[in-house]
């Protein structure tokens, strides 16, 4: 991204996402949507979806815990298409909730 592009997209910032057992992921973008499950037995899941300045998706999964001695889990992936996003996050109820917020159609079409 050039300085000119940054000036035309002031809502975009530099974001760094932690990933377990992998390098952190740094990009210029913005948060589009996020959803979370209810806490159950001290655990819950958060899904966040970002868009980059180059119009790619960045999907982040966070597994949260309140338990001492346990760690939150962090995963993230760059997805260039809706199909890649669905492949990464799957079709569970929480992912479906996120897709609705950003108008991603998670259906299998046959002829």
N, C-alpha and C. Protein backbone atom coordinates (compact mmCIF):
# COMPACT_ATOMS: atom_id res chain seq x y z
N UNK A 1 0.85 -1.18 0.00
CA UNK A 1 0.00 0.00 0.00
C UNK A 1 0.89 1.24 0.00
N UNK A 2 0.58 2.19 -0.85
CA UNK A 2 1.36 3.41 -0.91
C UNK A 2 0.81 4.44 0.07
N UNK A 3 1.57 5.51 0.26
CA UNK A 3 1.10 6.57 1.17
C UNK A 3 -0.21 7.17 0.67
N UNK A 4 -0.34 7.28 -0.66
CA UNK A 4 -1.57 7.84 -1.23
C UNK A 4 -2.78 6.97 -0.89
N UNK A 5 -2.63 5.66 -1.00
CA UNK A 5 -3.74 4.76 -0.67
C UNK A 5 -4.10 4.86 0.80
N UNK A 6 -3.12 4.98 1.67
CA UNK A 6 -3.39 5.11 3.09
C UNK A 6 -4.19 6.38 3.36
N UNK A 7 -3.85 7.45 2.66
CA UNK A 7 -4.56 8.71 2.85
C UNK A 7 -6.01 8.61 2.38
N UNK A 8 -6.30 7.81 1.36
CA UNK A 8 -7.66 7.70 0.85
C UNK A 8 -8.50 6.71 1.65
N UNK A 9 -7.88 5.92 2.53
CA UNK A 9 -8.59 4.95 3.36
C UNK A 9 -8.22 5.17 4.83
N UNK A 10 -8.62 6.31 5.40
CA UNK A 10 -8.18 6.64 6.76
C UNK A 10 -8.72 5.70 7.82
N UNK A 11 -9.80 4.96 7.52
CA UNK A 11 -10.34 4.04 8.51
C UNK A 11 -9.48 2.78 8.67
N UNK A 12 -8.53 2.58 7.78
CA UNK A 12 -7.65 1.42 7.85
C UNK A 12 -6.48 1.72 8.77
N UNK A 13 -6.11 0.72 9.58
CA UNK A 13 -4.98 0.87 10.48
C UNK A 13 -4.10 -0.38 10.38
N UNK A 14 -2.95 -0.32 10.97
CA UNK A 14 -2.08 -1.50 11.03
C UNK A 14 -2.57 -2.38 12.17
N UNK A 15 -2.83 -3.64 11.86
CA UNK A 15 -3.36 -4.60 12.82
C UNK A 15 -2.39 -5.77 12.89
N UNK A 16 -2.10 -6.24 14.08
CA UNK A 16 -1.27 -7.43 14.27
C UNK A 16 -2.06 -8.44 15.08
N UNK A 17 -2.23 -9.64 14.51
CA UNK A 17 -2.97 -10.71 15.17
C UNK A 17 -2.01 -11.81 15.60
N UNK A 18 -2.11 -12.18 16.85
CA UNK A 18 -1.31 -13.27 17.40
C UNK A 18 -1.85 -14.60 16.87
N UNK A 19 -0.95 -15.54 16.59
CA UNK A 19 -1.35 -16.89 16.18
C UNK A 19 -0.52 -17.89 16.96
N UNK A 20 -1.19 -18.90 17.51
CA UNK A 20 -0.47 -19.95 18.22
C UNK A 20 0.37 -20.77 17.26
N UNK A 21 1.59 -21.08 17.67
CA UNK A 21 2.49 -21.94 16.90
C UNK A 21 2.72 -21.46 15.47
N UNK A 22 2.67 -20.15 15.27
CA UNK A 22 2.88 -19.57 13.95
C UNK A 22 3.32 -18.12 14.14
N UNK A 23 3.77 -17.52 13.07
CA UNK A 23 4.13 -16.10 13.13
C UNK A 23 2.87 -15.27 13.31
N UNK A 24 3.00 -14.13 13.98
CA UNK A 24 1.89 -13.18 14.05
C UNK A 24 1.59 -12.68 12.65
N UNK A 25 0.38 -12.22 12.45
CA UNK A 25 -0.06 -11.76 11.13
C UNK A 25 -0.31 -10.26 11.20
N UNK A 26 0.45 -9.48 10.42
CA UNK A 26 0.32 -8.02 10.42
C UNK A 26 -0.19 -7.57 9.05
N UNK A 27 -1.16 -6.67 9.06
CA UNK A 27 -1.74 -6.16 7.81
C UNK A 27 -2.36 -4.79 8.05
N UNK A 28 -2.65 -4.10 6.97
CA UNK A 28 -3.38 -2.85 7.04
C UNK A 28 -4.83 -3.17 6.71
N UNK A 29 -5.74 -2.83 7.62
CA UNK A 29 -7.13 -3.17 7.38
C UNK A 29 -8.03 -2.62 8.47
N UNK A 30 -9.25 -3.20 8.54
CA UNK A 30 -10.20 -2.80 9.58
C UNK A 30 -11.09 -3.98 9.94
N UNK A 31 -11.60 -3.95 11.16
CA UNK A 31 -12.52 -4.97 11.64
C UNK A 31 -13.88 -4.73 11.01
N UNK A 32 -14.44 -5.79 10.39
CA UNK A 32 -15.77 -5.68 9.77
C UNK A 32 -16.87 -6.20 10.69
N UNK A 33 -16.61 -7.33 11.34
CA UNK A 33 -17.65 -7.96 12.16
C UNK A 33 -17.00 -8.91 13.16
N UNK A 34 -17.72 -9.13 14.26
CA UNK A 34 -17.27 -10.11 15.23
C UNK A 34 -18.49 -10.71 15.93
N UNK A 35 -18.35 -11.98 16.28
CA UNK A 35 -19.41 -12.71 17.00
C UNK A 35 -18.74 -13.55 18.07
N UNK A 36 -19.53 -13.93 19.08
CA UNK A 36 -18.98 -14.80 20.12
C UNK A 36 -20.08 -15.71 20.63
N UNK A 37 -19.64 -16.86 21.08
CA UNK A 37 -20.58 -17.80 21.69
C UNK A 37 -20.76 -17.41 23.15
N UNK A 38 -21.74 -18.02 23.78
CA UNK A 38 -21.94 -17.81 25.21
C UNK A 38 -20.88 -18.60 25.99
N UNK A 39 -20.50 -18.08 27.14
CA UNK A 39 -19.58 -18.81 27.99
C UNK A 39 -20.26 -20.08 28.49
N UNK A 40 -19.56 -21.19 28.35
CA UNK A 40 -20.07 -22.47 28.82
C UNK A 40 -18.93 -23.21 29.50
N UNK A 41 -19.08 -23.49 30.76
CA UNK A 41 -18.06 -24.18 31.54
C UNK A 41 -16.71 -23.46 31.52
N UNK A 42 -16.76 -22.13 31.45
CA UNK A 42 -15.53 -21.35 31.49
C UNK A 42 -14.84 -21.15 30.16
N UNK A 43 -15.49 -21.56 29.06
CA UNK A 43 -14.91 -21.43 27.72
C UNK A 43 -15.90 -20.75 26.78
N UNK A 44 -15.39 -20.02 25.80
CA UNK A 44 -16.22 -19.49 24.73
C UNK A 44 -15.34 -19.23 23.52
N UNK A 45 -15.98 -19.01 22.38
CA UNK A 45 -15.29 -18.80 21.11
C UNK A 45 -15.65 -17.43 20.55
N UNK A 46 -14.67 -16.77 19.97
CA UNK A 46 -14.89 -15.50 19.28
C UNK A 46 -14.40 -15.66 17.84
N UNK A 47 -15.19 -15.14 16.91
CA UNK A 47 -14.78 -15.09 15.51
C UNK A 47 -14.78 -13.62 15.10
N UNK A 48 -13.70 -13.20 14.45
CA UNK A 48 -13.59 -11.82 13.97
C UNK A 48 -13.22 -11.86 12.50
N UNK A 49 -13.77 -10.90 11.76
CA UNK A 49 -13.48 -10.82 10.33
C UNK A 49 -13.02 -9.42 10.00
N UNK A 50 -11.85 -9.35 9.39
CA UNK A 50 -11.25 -8.10 8.97
C UNK A 50 -11.21 -8.05 7.45
N UNK A 51 -11.13 -6.85 6.90
CA UNK A 51 -10.84 -6.69 5.48
C UNK A 51 -9.53 -5.92 5.39
N UNK A 52 -8.69 -6.33 4.45
CA UNK A 52 -7.40 -5.67 4.27
C UNK A 52 -7.54 -4.55 3.24
N UNK A 53 -6.53 -3.71 3.18
CA UNK A 53 -6.50 -2.63 2.20
C UNK A 53 -6.49 -3.17 0.78
N UNK A 54 -6.06 -4.43 0.62
CA UNK A 54 -6.05 -5.05 -0.72
C UNK A 54 -7.29 -5.92 -0.96
N UNK A 55 -8.33 -5.74 -0.12
CA UNK A 55 -9.62 -6.41 -0.26
C UNK A 55 -9.60 -7.92 -0.03
N UNK A 56 -8.68 -8.39 0.77
CA UNK A 56 -8.71 -9.79 1.21
C UNK A 56 -9.40 -9.85 2.56
N UNK A 57 -9.91 -11.02 2.92
CA UNK A 57 -10.46 -11.24 4.26
C UNK A 57 -9.33 -11.71 5.17
N UNK A 58 -9.40 -11.37 6.43
CA UNK A 58 -8.58 -12.01 7.45
C UNK A 58 -9.55 -12.51 8.51
N UNK A 59 -9.60 -13.81 8.68
CA UNK A 59 -10.49 -14.43 9.66
C UNK A 59 -9.68 -14.81 10.88
N UNK A 60 -10.22 -14.51 12.05
CA UNK A 60 -9.54 -14.83 13.30
C UNK A 60 -10.48 -15.64 14.19
N UNK A 61 -9.95 -16.71 14.74
CA UNK A 61 -10.66 -17.54 15.72
C UNK A 61 -9.93 -17.42 17.04
N UNK A 62 -10.67 -17.13 18.11
CA UNK A 62 -10.08 -17.05 19.43
C UNK A 62 -10.88 -17.96 20.36
N UNK A 63 -10.19 -18.88 20.98
CA UNK A 63 -10.81 -19.73 22.00
C UNK A 63 -10.46 -19.16 23.36
N UNK A 64 -11.45 -18.65 24.08
CA UNK A 64 -11.21 -17.98 25.36
C UNK A 64 -11.51 -18.91 26.53
N UNK A 65 -10.81 -18.65 27.64
CA UNK A 65 -11.05 -19.39 28.87
C UNK A 65 -10.87 -18.48 30.07
N UNK A 66 -11.59 -18.79 31.13
CA UNK A 66 -11.42 -18.04 32.39
C UNK A 66 -10.57 -18.83 33.37
N UNK A 67 -10.21 -20.06 33.03
CA UNK A 67 -9.53 -20.95 33.96
C UNK A 67 -8.06 -20.62 34.12
N UNK A 68 -7.64 -20.50 35.35
CA UNK A 68 -6.24 -20.27 35.67
C UNK A 68 -5.43 -21.48 35.21
N UNK A 69 -4.29 -21.21 34.62
CA UNK A 69 -3.44 -22.28 34.13
C UNK A 69 -3.77 -22.69 32.70
N UNK A 70 -4.86 -22.19 32.16
CA UNK A 70 -5.24 -22.46 30.76
C UNK A 70 -4.99 -21.18 29.96
N UNK A 71 -4.70 -21.33 28.70
CA UNK A 71 -4.41 -20.17 27.85
C UNK A 71 -5.47 -20.01 26.77
N UNK A 72 -5.71 -18.77 26.38
CA UNK A 72 -6.56 -18.53 25.22
C UNK A 72 -5.84 -19.07 23.99
N UNK A 73 -6.61 -19.47 22.99
CA UNK A 73 -6.05 -20.00 21.74
C UNK A 73 -6.32 -19.02 20.60
N UNK A 74 -5.32 -18.80 19.75
CA UNK A 74 -5.43 -17.82 18.67
C UNK A 74 -5.06 -18.45 17.33
N UNK A 75 -5.96 -18.30 16.36
CA UNK A 75 -5.70 -18.72 14.98
C UNK A 75 -6.17 -17.60 14.06
N UNK A 76 -5.53 -17.46 12.91
CA UNK A 76 -5.96 -16.49 11.90
C UNK A 76 -5.47 -16.92 10.54
N UNK A 77 -6.24 -16.56 9.52
CA UNK A 77 -5.87 -16.93 8.16
C UNK A 77 -6.32 -15.85 7.18
N UNK A 78 -5.54 -15.68 6.13
CA UNK A 78 -5.89 -14.77 5.04
C UNK A 78 -6.72 -15.57 4.03
N UNK A 79 -7.86 -15.02 3.65
CA UNK A 79 -8.75 -15.68 2.69
C UNK A 79 -9.07 -14.68 1.58
N UNK A 80 -8.80 -15.06 0.35
CA UNK A 80 -8.98 -14.12 -0.76
C UNK A 80 -10.38 -14.18 -1.38
N UNK A 81 -11.13 -15.24 -1.06
CA UNK A 81 -12.48 -15.37 -1.62
C UNK A 81 -13.45 -15.81 -0.52
N UNK A 82 -14.74 -15.68 -0.81
CA UNK A 82 -15.74 -16.18 0.12
C UNK A 82 -15.57 -17.68 0.34
N UNK A 83 -15.26 -18.40 -0.72
CA UNK A 83 -15.08 -19.86 -0.62
C UNK A 83 -13.92 -20.20 0.31
N UNK A 84 -12.83 -19.47 0.23
CA UNK A 84 -11.69 -19.71 1.14
C UNK A 84 -12.07 -19.39 2.58
N UNK A 85 -12.87 -18.34 2.76
CA UNK A 85 -13.33 -17.98 4.10
C UNK A 85 -14.18 -19.10 4.69
N UNK A 86 -15.11 -19.61 3.91
CA UNK A 86 -15.98 -20.70 4.36
C UNK A 86 -15.17 -21.96 4.61
N UNK A 87 -14.19 -22.23 3.78
CA UNK A 87 -13.32 -23.40 3.98
C UNK A 87 -12.57 -23.28 5.31
N UNK A 88 -12.12 -22.08 5.64
CA UNK A 88 -11.36 -21.88 6.87
C UNK A 88 -12.24 -21.93 8.12
N UNK A 89 -13.34 -21.18 8.13
CA UNK A 89 -14.18 -21.10 9.33
C UNK A 89 -15.25 -22.19 9.41
N UNK A 90 -15.55 -22.82 8.29
CA UNK A 90 -16.55 -23.87 8.29
C UNK A 90 -17.96 -23.32 8.23
N UNK A 91 -18.92 -24.18 8.54
CA UNK A 91 -20.34 -23.81 8.41
C UNK A 91 -21.10 -23.98 9.72
N UNK A 92 -20.42 -23.94 10.84
CA UNK A 92 -21.08 -24.04 12.14
C UNK A 92 -21.96 -22.82 12.40
N UNK A 93 -22.77 -22.91 13.45
CA UNK A 93 -23.73 -21.85 13.73
C UNK A 93 -23.07 -20.50 13.99
N UNK A 94 -21.91 -20.48 14.64
CA UNK A 94 -21.26 -19.22 14.94
C UNK A 94 -20.68 -18.59 13.67
N UNK A 95 -20.09 -19.42 12.81
CA UNK A 95 -19.59 -18.93 11.53
C UNK A 95 -20.75 -18.41 10.67
N UNK A 96 -21.88 -19.12 10.68
CA UNK A 96 -23.05 -18.68 9.92
C UNK A 96 -23.52 -17.30 10.40
N UNK A 97 -23.47 -17.09 11.69
CA UNK A 97 -23.85 -15.80 12.27
C UNK A 97 -22.93 -14.68 11.75
N UNK A 98 -21.63 -14.97 11.67
CA UNK A 98 -20.66 -14.01 11.15
C UNK A 98 -20.92 -13.74 9.67
N UNK A 99 -21.15 -14.81 8.89
CA UNK A 99 -21.40 -14.65 7.45
C UNK A 99 -22.60 -13.75 7.18
N UNK A 100 -23.64 -13.88 7.99
CA UNK A 100 -24.83 -13.03 7.80
C UNK A 100 -24.50 -11.56 7.96
N UNK A 101 -23.61 -11.25 8.89
CA UNK A 101 -23.25 -9.86 9.14
C UNK A 101 -22.52 -9.21 7.96
N UNK A 102 -21.83 -10.04 7.16
CA UNK A 102 -21.04 -9.50 6.04
C UNK A 102 -21.56 -9.98 4.68
N UNK A 103 -22.76 -10.54 4.67
CA UNK A 103 -23.41 -10.97 3.42
C UNK A 103 -22.63 -12.02 2.64
N UNK A 104 -22.07 -12.98 3.35
CA UNK A 104 -21.43 -14.13 2.70
C UNK A 104 -22.44 -15.25 2.68
N UNK A 105 -22.70 -15.78 1.50
CA UNK A 105 -23.71 -16.81 1.31
C UNK A 105 -23.06 -18.19 1.47
N UNK A 106 -23.33 -18.84 2.57
CA UNK A 106 -22.74 -20.17 2.85
C UNK A 106 -23.71 -21.25 2.43
N UNK A 107 -23.78 -21.49 1.14
CA UNK A 107 -24.66 -22.53 0.59
C UNK A 107 -23.90 -23.34 -0.44
N UNK A 108 -24.33 -24.55 -0.63
CA UNK A 108 -23.80 -25.39 -1.71
C UNK A 108 -24.86 -25.42 -2.79
N UNK A 109 -24.49 -24.98 -3.99
CA UNK A 109 -25.43 -24.91 -5.10
C UNK A 109 -25.16 -26.07 -6.07
N UNK A 110 -26.21 -26.78 -6.42
CA UNK A 110 -26.07 -27.84 -7.42
C UNK A 110 -27.04 -27.56 -8.56
N UNK A 111 -26.77 -28.16 -9.70
CA UNK A 111 -27.65 -27.96 -10.87
C UNK A 111 -28.32 -29.25 -11.23
